[in-house]
N, C-alpha and C. Protein backbone atom coordinates (compact mmCIF):
# COMPACT_ATOMS: atom_id res chain seq x y z
N UNK A 1 109.54 161.59 91.52
CA UNK A 1 108.13 161.97 91.40
C UNK A 1 107.83 163.16 92.30
N UNK A 2 106.95 164.03 91.89
CA UNK A 2 106.74 165.24 92.63
C UNK A 2 105.65 165.10 93.66
N UNK A 3 104.62 164.28 93.42
CA UNK A 3 103.55 164.12 94.37
C UNK A 3 103.04 162.71 94.27
N UNK A 4 102.44 162.21 95.33
CA UNK A 4 101.86 160.88 95.32
C UNK A 4 100.39 160.97 95.64
N UNK A 5 99.57 160.19 94.93
CA UNK A 5 98.17 160.13 95.20
C UNK A 5 97.89 159.16 96.34
N UNK A 6 96.77 159.31 97.06
CA UNK A 6 96.43 158.32 98.09
C UNK A 6 96.37 156.92 97.51
N UNK A 7 96.64 155.93 98.39
CA UNK A 7 96.73 154.56 97.90
C UNK A 7 95.40 154.10 97.26
N UNK A 8 94.29 154.65 97.71
CA UNK A 8 92.99 154.21 97.21
C UNK A 8 92.62 154.84 95.88
N UNK A 9 93.38 155.87 95.48
CA UNK A 9 93.04 156.61 94.25
C UNK A 9 93.83 156.08 93.07
N UNK A 10 93.33 156.39 91.88
CA UNK A 10 94.12 156.04 90.70
C UNK A 10 95.36 156.93 90.65
N UNK A 11 96.48 156.29 90.38
CA UNK A 11 97.74 157.03 90.30
C UNK A 11 97.97 157.38 88.82
N UNK A 12 98.12 158.65 88.54
CA UNK A 12 98.38 159.12 87.19
C UNK A 12 99.69 159.84 87.15
N UNK A 13 100.58 159.40 86.29
CA UNK A 13 101.93 159.93 86.18
C UNK A 13 102.08 160.58 84.79
N UNK A 14 102.23 161.88 84.73
CA UNK A 14 102.45 162.56 83.45
C UNK A 14 103.94 162.57 83.17
N UNK A 15 104.31 162.19 81.97
CA UNK A 15 105.71 162.12 81.55
C UNK A 15 105.88 162.91 80.29
N UNK A 16 106.65 163.99 80.37
CA UNK A 16 106.91 164.76 79.16
C UNK A 16 107.88 164.03 78.27
N UNK A 17 107.75 164.13 76.99
CA UNK A 17 108.67 163.50 76.02
C UNK A 17 110.09 163.99 76.21
N UNK A 18 111.03 163.24 75.66
CA UNK A 18 112.44 163.70 75.67
C UNK A 18 112.64 164.89 74.75
N UNK A 19 113.81 165.48 74.89
CA UNK A 19 114.12 166.66 74.05
C UNK A 19 113.97 166.33 72.56
N UNK A 20 113.32 167.20 71.83
CA UNK A 20 113.16 167.06 70.39
C UNK A 20 114.17 167.96 69.66
N UNK A 21 114.25 167.72 68.37
CA UNK A 21 115.13 168.61 67.57
C UNK A 21 114.58 170.03 67.56
N UNK A 22 113.23 170.16 67.63
CA UNK A 22 112.64 171.51 67.76
C UNK A 22 113.05 172.15 69.07
N UNK A 23 112.93 171.39 70.19
CA UNK A 23 113.30 171.94 71.48
C UNK A 23 114.73 172.47 71.47
N UNK A 24 115.64 171.68 70.93
CA UNK A 24 117.04 172.03 70.93
C UNK A 24 117.29 173.28 70.10
N UNK A 25 116.69 173.37 68.93
CA UNK A 25 116.89 174.51 68.05
C UNK A 25 116.24 175.74 68.63
N UNK A 26 115.05 175.62 69.15
CA UNK A 26 114.31 176.77 69.69
C UNK A 26 115.03 177.31 70.92
N UNK A 27 115.56 176.43 71.75
CA UNK A 27 116.29 176.90 72.97
C UNK A 27 117.54 177.65 72.54
N UNK A 28 118.18 177.21 71.49
CA UNK A 28 119.43 177.86 71.07
C UNK A 28 119.22 179.16 70.32
N UNK A 29 118.11 179.27 69.57
CA UNK A 29 117.92 180.41 68.71
C UNK A 29 116.71 181.28 69.02
N UNK A 30 115.73 180.69 69.72
CA UNK A 30 114.46 181.40 69.96
C UNK A 30 113.52 181.40 68.79
N UNK A 31 113.89 180.66 67.71
CA UNK A 31 113.10 180.65 66.49
C UNK A 31 112.53 179.25 66.24
N UNK A 32 111.40 179.25 65.53
CA UNK A 32 110.78 178.00 65.11
C UNK A 32 111.52 177.51 63.86
N UNK A 33 112.12 176.31 63.97
CA UNK A 33 112.93 175.79 62.85
C UNK A 33 112.13 175.13 61.74
N UNK A 34 110.80 175.03 61.90
CA UNK A 34 109.97 174.40 60.89
C UNK A 34 110.10 172.88 60.90
N UNK A 35 110.33 172.29 62.07
CA UNK A 35 110.45 170.84 62.16
C UNK A 35 109.05 170.23 62.41
N UNK A 36 108.38 169.88 61.31
CA UNK A 36 107.08 169.28 61.38
C UNK A 36 107.17 167.92 62.11
N UNK A 37 106.33 167.77 63.13
CA UNK A 37 106.29 166.52 63.91
C UNK A 37 107.75 166.12 64.32
N UNK A 38 108.39 167.00 65.04
CA UNK A 38 109.81 166.84 65.35
C UNK A 38 110.10 165.51 66.07
N UNK A 39 111.29 165.00 65.80
CA UNK A 39 111.74 163.76 66.42
C UNK A 39 112.62 164.07 67.62
N UNK A 40 112.92 163.02 68.39
CA UNK A 40 113.84 163.20 69.50
C UNK A 40 115.23 163.52 69.01
N UNK A 41 115.92 164.38 69.76
CA UNK A 41 117.34 164.64 69.49
C UNK A 41 118.16 163.54 70.14
N UNK A 42 119.46 163.58 69.91
CA UNK A 42 120.35 162.60 70.57
C UNK A 42 120.25 162.72 72.09
N UNK A 43 120.19 163.95 72.57
CA UNK A 43 120.03 164.17 74.01
C UNK A 43 118.69 163.65 74.48
N UNK A 44 117.66 163.81 73.65
CA UNK A 44 116.37 163.31 74.03
C UNK A 44 116.35 161.80 74.21
N UNK A 45 117.04 161.06 73.32
CA UNK A 45 117.11 159.62 73.48
C UNK A 45 117.81 159.25 74.77
N UNK A 46 118.87 160.00 75.15
CA UNK A 46 119.54 159.72 76.39
C UNK A 46 118.62 160.00 77.61
N UNK A 47 117.81 161.04 77.52
CA UNK A 47 116.84 161.32 78.59
C UNK A 47 115.82 160.21 78.71
N UNK A 48 115.40 159.66 77.61
CA UNK A 48 114.42 158.57 77.62
C UNK A 48 115.03 157.34 78.26
N UNK A 49 116.30 157.06 77.97
CA UNK A 49 116.96 155.90 78.59
C UNK A 49 117.05 156.03 80.10
N UNK A 50 117.32 157.24 80.56
CA UNK A 50 117.35 157.47 82.02
C UNK A 50 115.96 157.33 82.63
N UNK A 51 114.94 157.83 81.98
CA UNK A 51 113.59 157.73 82.47
C UNK A 51 113.11 156.27 82.49
N UNK A 52 113.54 155.49 81.52
CA UNK A 52 113.16 154.07 81.51
C UNK A 52 113.60 153.39 82.80
N UNK A 53 114.84 153.66 83.22
CA UNK A 53 115.33 153.04 84.42
C UNK A 53 114.61 153.58 85.68
N UNK A 54 114.30 154.89 85.70
CA UNK A 54 113.67 155.48 86.85
C UNK A 54 112.23 154.97 87.04
N UNK A 55 111.58 154.57 85.97
CA UNK A 55 110.16 154.21 86.03
C UNK A 55 109.90 152.71 85.99
N UNK A 56 110.94 151.94 86.00
CA UNK A 56 110.77 150.47 85.84
C UNK A 56 110.01 149.84 87.00
N UNK A 57 110.14 150.43 88.23
CA UNK A 57 109.54 149.81 89.39
C UNK A 57 108.07 150.17 89.56
N UNK A 58 107.53 151.11 88.75
CA UNK A 58 106.13 151.52 88.87
C UNK A 58 105.24 150.50 88.13
N UNK A 59 104.25 149.97 88.80
CA UNK A 59 103.41 148.89 88.19
C UNK A 59 102.32 149.47 87.32
N UNK A 60 102.70 150.14 86.24
CA UNK A 60 101.72 150.72 85.33
C UNK A 60 100.85 149.67 84.70
N UNK A 61 99.54 149.96 84.66
CA UNK A 61 98.60 149.10 83.96
C UNK A 61 98.32 149.62 82.54
N UNK A 62 98.46 150.93 82.39
CA UNK A 62 98.10 151.56 81.09
C UNK A 62 99.07 152.71 80.82
N UNK A 63 99.48 152.80 79.56
CA UNK A 63 100.23 153.94 79.08
C UNK A 63 99.43 154.62 77.99
N UNK A 64 99.19 155.91 78.13
CA UNK A 64 98.45 156.67 77.13
C UNK A 64 99.43 157.65 76.50
N UNK A 65 99.63 157.55 75.21
CA UNK A 65 100.61 158.38 74.54
C UNK A 65 99.98 159.24 73.45
N UNK A 66 100.49 160.41 73.32
CA UNK A 66 100.16 161.30 72.17
C UNK A 66 100.67 160.68 70.88
N UNK A 67 100.04 160.92 69.74
CA UNK A 67 100.51 160.38 68.47
C UNK A 67 101.63 161.18 67.81
N UNK A 68 102.05 162.30 68.43
CA UNK A 68 103.18 163.05 67.87
C UNK A 68 104.43 162.17 68.02
N UNK A 69 105.31 162.23 67.00
CA UNK A 69 106.43 161.29 66.93
C UNK A 69 107.32 161.32 68.16
N UNK A 70 107.62 162.47 68.70
CA UNK A 70 108.50 162.54 69.87
C UNK A 70 107.90 161.84 71.05
N UNK A 71 106.56 161.82 71.16
CA UNK A 71 105.91 161.11 72.26
C UNK A 71 105.95 159.60 71.99
N UNK A 72 105.68 159.19 70.75
CA UNK A 72 105.74 157.77 70.43
C UNK A 72 107.15 157.21 70.65
N UNK A 73 108.16 157.96 70.26
CA UNK A 73 109.55 157.51 70.50
C UNK A 73 109.83 157.41 71.99
N UNK A 74 109.34 158.36 72.75
CA UNK A 74 109.55 158.33 74.23
C UNK A 74 108.85 157.12 74.82
N UNK A 75 107.62 156.88 74.40
CA UNK A 75 106.83 155.75 74.92
C UNK A 75 107.54 154.44 74.59
N UNK A 76 107.96 154.31 73.38
CA UNK A 76 108.67 153.07 72.98
C UNK A 76 109.92 152.87 73.79
N UNK A 77 110.70 153.95 73.99
CA UNK A 77 111.94 153.86 74.70
C UNK A 77 111.77 153.50 76.16
N UNK A 78 110.71 154.02 76.80
CA UNK A 78 110.53 153.79 78.22
C UNK A 78 109.79 152.46 78.49
N UNK A 79 108.81 152.12 77.67
CA UNK A 79 107.88 151.05 78.05
C UNK A 79 107.98 149.78 77.20
N UNK A 80 108.80 149.74 76.18
CA UNK A 80 108.82 148.54 75.33
C UNK A 80 109.20 147.28 76.08
N UNK A 81 110.06 147.43 77.14
CA UNK A 81 110.43 146.25 77.93
C UNK A 81 110.11 146.43 79.40
N UNK A 82 109.06 147.21 79.69
CA UNK A 82 108.72 147.48 81.08
C UNK A 82 108.24 146.22 81.78
N UNK A 83 108.71 145.94 83.00
CA UNK A 83 108.35 144.70 83.68
C UNK A 83 106.81 144.51 83.87
N UNK A 84 106.06 145.60 84.00
CA UNK A 84 104.64 145.49 84.23
C UNK A 84 103.86 145.18 82.98
N UNK A 85 104.51 145.31 81.84
CA UNK A 85 103.86 145.01 80.52
C UNK A 85 102.51 145.74 80.38
N UNK A 86 102.49 147.03 80.57
CA UNK A 86 101.22 147.77 80.49
C UNK A 86 100.64 147.79 79.08
N UNK A 87 99.32 147.92 79.04
CA UNK A 87 98.65 148.20 77.76
C UNK A 87 99.04 149.61 77.33
N UNK A 88 99.08 149.81 76.00
CA UNK A 88 99.44 151.12 75.46
C UNK A 88 98.33 151.59 74.52
N UNK A 89 97.87 152.80 74.74
CA UNK A 89 96.86 153.44 73.89
C UNK A 89 97.44 154.70 73.28
N UNK A 90 97.21 154.89 72.01
CA UNK A 90 97.54 156.17 71.34
C UNK A 90 96.26 156.97 71.27
N UNK A 91 96.26 158.16 71.86
CA UNK A 91 95.08 159.02 71.93
C UNK A 91 95.44 160.45 71.54
N UNK A 92 94.48 161.11 70.91
CA UNK A 92 94.76 162.45 70.38
C UNK A 92 94.32 163.59 71.33
N UNK A 93 93.52 163.29 72.34
CA UNK A 93 93.04 164.36 73.21
C UNK A 93 94.15 165.17 73.85
N UNK A 94 95.23 164.48 74.20
CA UNK A 94 96.30 165.19 74.90
C UNK A 94 97.52 165.46 74.00
N UNK A 95 97.30 165.56 72.68
CA UNK A 95 98.39 166.05 71.83
C UNK A 95 98.69 167.47 72.26
N UNK A 96 99.82 167.96 71.79
CA UNK A 96 100.26 169.30 72.20
C UNK A 96 99.36 170.42 71.70
N UNK A 97 99.33 171.49 72.44
CA UNK A 97 98.67 172.72 71.98
C UNK A 97 99.29 173.10 70.64
N UNK A 98 98.51 173.18 69.61
CA UNK A 98 99.06 173.34 68.26
C UNK A 98 99.31 174.78 67.94
N UNK A 99 100.59 175.20 68.07
CA UNK A 99 100.95 176.57 67.79
C UNK A 99 102.29 176.66 67.13
N UNK A 100 103.05 175.57 67.03
CA UNK A 100 104.38 175.58 66.40
C UNK A 100 104.47 174.46 65.40
N UNK A 101 105.53 174.47 64.59
CA UNK A 101 105.72 173.49 63.54
C UNK A 101 105.73 172.06 64.08
N UNK A 102 106.36 171.88 65.23
CA UNK A 102 106.51 170.53 65.79
C UNK A 102 105.21 169.93 66.21
N UNK A 103 104.17 170.74 66.35
CA UNK A 103 102.88 170.25 66.83
C UNK A 103 101.98 169.77 65.71
N UNK A 104 102.40 169.95 64.47
CA UNK A 104 101.67 169.43 63.31
C UNK A 104 102.00 167.95 63.15
N UNK A 105 100.99 167.13 63.06
CA UNK A 105 101.25 165.68 63.00
C UNK A 105 101.47 165.15 61.61
N UNK A 106 101.58 163.84 61.55
CA UNK A 106 101.69 163.12 60.27
C UNK A 106 100.52 162.12 60.19
N UNK A 107 100.16 161.78 58.99
CA UNK A 107 99.01 160.95 58.75
C UNK A 107 99.10 159.62 59.52
N UNK A 108 97.95 159.13 59.99
CA UNK A 108 97.89 157.91 60.72
C UNK A 108 98.51 156.76 59.94
N UNK A 109 98.29 156.71 58.64
CA UNK A 109 98.87 155.65 57.83
C UNK A 109 100.39 155.70 57.80
N UNK A 110 100.95 156.88 57.86
CA UNK A 110 102.39 157.05 57.91
C UNK A 110 102.92 156.58 59.25
N UNK A 111 102.26 156.95 60.33
CA UNK A 111 102.67 156.51 61.64
C UNK A 111 102.60 155.00 61.77
N UNK A 112 101.56 154.38 61.19
CA UNK A 112 101.44 152.96 61.24
C UNK A 112 102.61 152.23 60.60
N UNK A 113 103.15 152.81 59.53
CA UNK A 113 104.30 152.18 58.86
C UNK A 113 105.56 152.35 59.68
N UNK A 114 105.76 153.54 60.28
CA UNK A 114 106.98 153.79 61.03
C UNK A 114 106.95 153.15 62.43
N UNK A 115 105.78 153.05 63.01
CA UNK A 115 105.66 152.55 64.37
C UNK A 115 104.69 151.34 64.40
N UNK A 116 105.08 150.22 63.84
CA UNK A 116 104.18 149.08 63.77
C UNK A 116 103.76 148.52 65.13
N UNK A 117 104.53 148.81 66.17
CA UNK A 117 104.18 148.31 67.48
C UNK A 117 103.04 149.05 68.13
N UNK A 118 102.67 150.21 67.56
CA UNK A 118 101.56 151.01 68.10
C UNK A 118 100.32 150.79 67.23
N UNK A 119 99.19 150.65 67.86
CA UNK A 119 97.93 150.58 67.13
C UNK A 119 97.41 152.04 66.90
N UNK A 120 97.24 152.42 65.64
CA UNK A 120 96.79 153.77 65.31
C UNK A 120 95.60 153.73 64.37
N UNK A 121 95.06 152.54 64.13
CA UNK A 121 93.97 152.44 63.15
C UNK A 121 92.67 153.06 63.58
N UNK A 122 92.58 153.43 64.86
CA UNK A 122 91.39 154.11 65.35
C UNK A 122 91.47 155.64 65.18
N UNK A 123 92.64 156.14 64.75
CA UNK A 123 92.84 157.57 64.55
C UNK A 123 92.34 157.97 63.16
N UNK A 124 91.75 159.15 63.03
CA UNK A 124 91.50 159.68 61.69
C UNK A 124 92.83 159.91 60.97
N UNK A 125 92.80 159.88 59.62
CA UNK A 125 94.05 160.07 58.90
C UNK A 125 94.71 161.42 59.24
N UNK A 126 93.90 162.47 59.34
CA UNK A 126 94.40 163.75 59.81
C UNK A 126 93.84 163.98 61.21
N UNK A 127 94.61 163.82 62.22
CA UNK A 127 94.15 163.84 63.60
C UNK A 127 94.52 165.14 64.35
N UNK A 128 95.31 165.99 63.73
CA UNK A 128 95.69 167.30 64.32
C UNK A 128 94.72 168.36 63.80
N UNK A 129 94.79 169.57 64.32
CA UNK A 129 93.91 170.62 63.92
C UNK A 129 94.30 171.13 62.52
N UNK A 130 93.34 171.10 61.58
CA UNK A 130 93.65 171.48 60.22
C UNK A 130 92.45 172.15 59.55
N UNK A 131 91.66 172.86 60.36
CA UNK A 131 90.49 173.52 59.82
C UNK A 131 90.78 174.95 59.35
N UNK A 132 90.07 175.35 58.28
CA UNK A 132 90.24 176.70 57.79
C UNK A 132 91.56 176.92 57.10
N UNK A 133 91.97 178.17 57.02
CA UNK A 133 93.23 178.53 56.37
C UNK A 133 94.41 178.44 57.32
N UNK A 134 95.54 178.02 56.78
CA UNK A 134 96.76 178.01 57.58
C UNK A 134 97.22 179.42 57.90
N UNK A 135 98.01 179.57 58.93
CA UNK A 135 98.51 180.87 59.31
C UNK A 135 99.69 181.29 58.43
N UNK A 136 100.26 182.44 58.65
CA UNK A 136 101.35 182.95 57.78
C UNK A 136 102.58 182.07 57.86
N UNK A 137 102.75 181.28 58.91
CA UNK A 137 103.93 180.42 59.02
C UNK A 137 103.78 179.16 58.16
N UNK A 138 102.53 178.89 57.71
CA UNK A 138 102.31 177.71 56.87
C UNK A 138 101.63 176.57 57.58
N UNK A 139 101.27 176.76 58.87
CA UNK A 139 100.54 175.72 59.57
C UNK A 139 99.39 176.35 60.34
N UNK A 140 98.47 175.47 60.77
CA UNK A 140 97.30 175.90 61.47
C UNK A 140 97.61 176.09 62.97
N UNK A 141 97.02 177.11 63.56
CA UNK A 141 97.14 177.33 65.01
C UNK A 141 95.79 177.02 65.63
N UNK A 142 95.81 176.18 66.64
CA UNK A 142 94.60 175.73 67.26
C UNK A 142 93.95 176.83 68.08
N UNK A 143 92.65 177.11 67.95
CA UNK A 143 91.98 178.10 68.75
C UNK A 143 92.02 177.74 70.25
N UNK A 144 92.19 178.72 71.10
CA UNK A 144 92.27 178.48 72.53
C UNK A 144 91.02 177.76 73.05
N UNK A 145 89.86 178.08 72.56
CA UNK A 145 88.66 177.44 73.05
C UNK A 145 88.68 175.93 72.80
N UNK A 146 89.17 175.51 71.64
CA UNK A 146 89.25 174.08 71.34
C UNK A 146 90.31 173.41 72.19
N UNK A 147 91.40 174.09 72.44
CA UNK A 147 92.46 173.51 73.29
C UNK A 147 91.92 173.32 74.73
N UNK A 148 91.25 174.33 75.27
CA UNK A 148 90.71 174.23 76.60
C UNK A 148 89.71 173.04 76.70
N UNK A 149 88.93 172.85 75.65
CA UNK A 149 87.97 171.74 75.63
C UNK A 149 88.74 170.40 75.66
N UNK A 150 89.87 170.34 74.98
CA UNK A 150 90.64 169.10 74.98
C UNK A 150 91.18 168.80 76.38
N UNK A 151 91.72 169.82 77.02
CA UNK A 151 92.26 169.62 78.38
C UNK A 151 91.19 169.10 79.32
N UNK A 152 90.04 169.74 79.29
CA UNK A 152 88.91 169.35 80.16
C UNK A 152 88.44 167.94 79.79
N UNK A 153 88.34 167.66 78.48
CA UNK A 153 87.89 166.35 78.04
C UNK A 153 88.85 165.24 78.41
N UNK A 154 90.14 165.56 78.37
CA UNK A 154 91.12 164.52 78.75
C UNK A 154 91.11 164.26 80.25
N UNK A 155 90.88 165.29 81.03
CA UNK A 155 90.73 165.09 82.49
C UNK A 155 89.57 164.14 82.77
N UNK A 156 88.43 164.38 82.09
CA UNK A 156 87.28 163.48 82.27
C UNK A 156 87.56 162.11 81.79
N UNK A 157 88.29 161.99 80.67
CA UNK A 157 88.66 160.68 80.12
C UNK A 157 89.48 159.88 81.13
N UNK A 158 90.45 160.52 81.77
CA UNK A 158 91.27 159.84 82.76
C UNK A 158 90.43 159.43 83.94
N UNK A 159 89.55 160.28 84.39
CA UNK A 159 88.71 159.96 85.55
C UNK A 159 87.85 158.72 85.29
N UNK A 160 87.48 158.49 84.05
CA UNK A 160 86.59 157.38 83.72
C UNK A 160 87.35 156.04 83.49
N UNK A 161 88.67 156.07 83.44
CA UNK A 161 89.41 154.86 83.18
C UNK A 161 89.36 153.91 84.38
N UNK A 162 89.29 152.62 84.11
CA UNK A 162 89.26 151.63 85.22
C UNK A 162 90.59 151.29 85.81
N UNK A 163 91.67 151.59 85.09
CA UNK A 163 93.02 151.23 85.58
C UNK A 163 93.37 152.05 86.81
N UNK A 164 94.23 151.49 87.68
CA UNK A 164 94.62 152.18 88.89
C UNK A 164 96.00 152.87 88.82
N UNK A 165 96.79 152.52 87.83
CA UNK A 165 98.11 153.16 87.67
C UNK A 165 98.31 153.46 86.20
N UNK A 166 98.30 154.74 85.84
CA UNK A 166 98.33 155.15 84.43
C UNK A 166 99.49 156.08 84.18
N UNK A 167 100.23 155.83 83.12
CA UNK A 167 101.28 156.78 82.65
C UNK A 167 100.71 157.54 81.44
N UNK A 168 100.92 158.82 81.42
CA UNK A 168 100.49 159.66 80.31
C UNK A 168 101.74 160.30 79.69
N UNK A 169 102.07 159.93 78.49
CA UNK A 169 103.22 160.48 77.78
C UNK A 169 102.75 161.62 76.85
N UNK A 170 103.25 162.79 77.12
CA UNK A 170 102.72 163.93 76.35
C UNK A 170 103.63 165.13 76.34
N UNK A 171 103.08 166.31 76.48
CA UNK A 171 103.72 167.53 76.06
C UNK A 171 103.64 168.65 77.07
N UNK A 172 104.58 169.58 76.96
CA UNK A 172 104.83 170.62 77.97
C UNK A 172 103.63 171.53 78.17
N UNK A 173 103.12 172.17 77.12
CA UNK A 173 102.04 173.13 77.29
C UNK A 173 100.76 172.43 77.71
N UNK A 174 100.44 171.28 77.13
CA UNK A 174 99.26 170.56 77.53
C UNK A 174 99.34 170.19 79.02
N UNK A 175 100.46 169.67 79.45
CA UNK A 175 100.60 169.29 80.85
C UNK A 175 100.52 170.51 81.78
N UNK A 176 101.03 171.64 81.31
CA UNK A 176 100.91 172.84 82.12
C UNK A 176 99.45 173.18 82.40
N UNK A 177 98.62 173.10 81.39
CA UNK A 177 97.20 173.42 81.55
C UNK A 177 96.46 172.30 82.30
N UNK A 178 96.98 171.11 82.26
CA UNK A 178 96.37 170.00 83.01
C UNK A 178 96.76 170.04 84.49
N UNK A 179 98.02 170.39 84.77
CA UNK A 179 98.59 170.24 86.11
C UNK A 179 98.99 171.55 86.80
N UNK A 180 99.19 172.58 86.03
CA UNK A 180 99.73 173.83 86.58
C UNK A 180 101.23 173.85 86.72
N UNK A 181 101.90 172.85 86.17
CA UNK A 181 103.37 172.77 86.27
C UNK A 181 103.99 172.63 84.88
N UNK A 182 105.07 173.36 84.67
CA UNK A 182 105.88 173.17 83.44
C UNK A 182 106.82 172.00 83.72
N UNK A 183 106.81 171.01 82.86
CA UNK A 183 107.69 169.85 83.03
C UNK A 183 108.90 169.94 82.10
N UNK A 184 110.05 169.59 82.63
CA UNK A 184 111.25 169.48 81.80
C UNK A 184 111.15 168.20 80.94
N UNK A 185 111.99 168.12 79.94
CA UNK A 185 111.98 166.91 79.09
C UNK A 185 112.21 165.66 79.92
N UNK A 186 111.30 164.70 79.78
CA UNK A 186 111.30 163.42 80.45
C UNK A 186 111.08 163.53 81.96
N UNK A 187 110.68 164.68 82.46
CA UNK A 187 110.29 164.78 83.84
C UNK A 187 108.95 164.05 84.04
N UNK A 188 108.79 163.40 85.22
CA UNK A 188 107.56 162.68 85.55
C UNK A 188 106.92 163.37 86.73
N UNK A 189 105.59 163.52 86.69
CA UNK A 189 104.86 164.23 87.73
C UNK A 189 103.59 163.44 88.09
N UNK A 190 103.42 163.10 89.36
CA UNK A 190 102.18 162.51 89.81
C UNK A 190 101.10 163.57 89.88
N UNK A 191 99.92 163.27 89.34
CA UNK A 191 98.88 164.27 89.20
C UNK A 191 97.63 163.88 90.00
N UNK A 192 97.08 164.85 90.71
CA UNK A 192 95.82 164.67 91.41
C UNK A 192 94.72 165.31 90.55
N UNK A 193 93.82 164.50 90.01
CA UNK A 193 92.80 165.07 89.14
C UNK A 193 91.78 165.95 89.86
N UNK A 194 91.82 165.88 91.17
CA UNK A 194 90.92 166.77 91.92
C UNK A 194 91.37 168.21 91.86
N UNK A 195 92.65 168.42 91.58
CA UNK A 195 93.18 169.79 91.41
C UNK A 195 92.96 170.23 90.00
N UNK A 196 92.35 171.39 89.84
CA UNK A 196 92.14 171.93 88.48
C UNK A 196 92.77 173.30 88.44
N UNK A 197 94.04 173.36 88.05
CA UNK A 197 94.77 174.65 88.04
C UNK A 197 94.18 175.61 87.02
N UNK A 198 94.46 176.88 87.23
CA UNK A 198 94.02 177.91 86.32
C UNK A 198 95.24 178.63 85.72
N UNK A 199 95.90 178.00 84.78
CA UNK A 199 97.09 178.66 84.19
C UNK A 199 96.70 179.99 83.56
N UNK A 200 97.65 180.94 83.63
CA UNK A 200 97.34 182.29 83.18
C UNK A 200 97.57 182.46 81.68
N UNK A 201 98.43 181.65 81.07
CA UNK A 201 98.74 181.81 79.66
C UNK A 201 99.32 180.51 79.12
N UNK A 202 99.42 180.45 77.84
CA UNK A 202 100.06 179.27 77.22
C UNK A 202 101.49 179.14 77.66
N UNK A 203 102.24 180.24 77.72
CA UNK A 203 103.64 180.18 78.06
C UNK A 203 104.49 179.95 76.84
């Protein structure tokens, strides 16, 4: 863990998902492979297994996960048998900044069939950004103003939670704008919500 919150404060640990097939392809080629709602790669599953062991001693009360498949797979891999038996919530506020193919989601009804252990019936069927015309790549790119509102809204959402130890499973660019740090796949970072970084760009 990179930082610890005071004992009296809520402890929030941001955990980036394991490597996805998009991550692996993009790192190798620099190109978007068109992997809609990309899944974990074989390496990503191994990273999740390592994170599961590293996080077992943390007494999480709540896990908040993005509904993108790579985050759900990471959450299931780390927390399905966690000794603290935390509650798990699927929330859309901290889904990834939507600018690549992997950031486009799948319908809530489809996720419900593939991930029956997660409750997703509170999500709209289309929960990702899909307004107006798609871009030239074939998918919608989220306006920066809406993304910034989501980051601010999620910070407020976390501040209002009653739990004292919360895990947030999510994504690289979102976490950068929330914390000011780029996280590696399956890296965990303790976050102080009193700090409000001013990132210069999406990255």
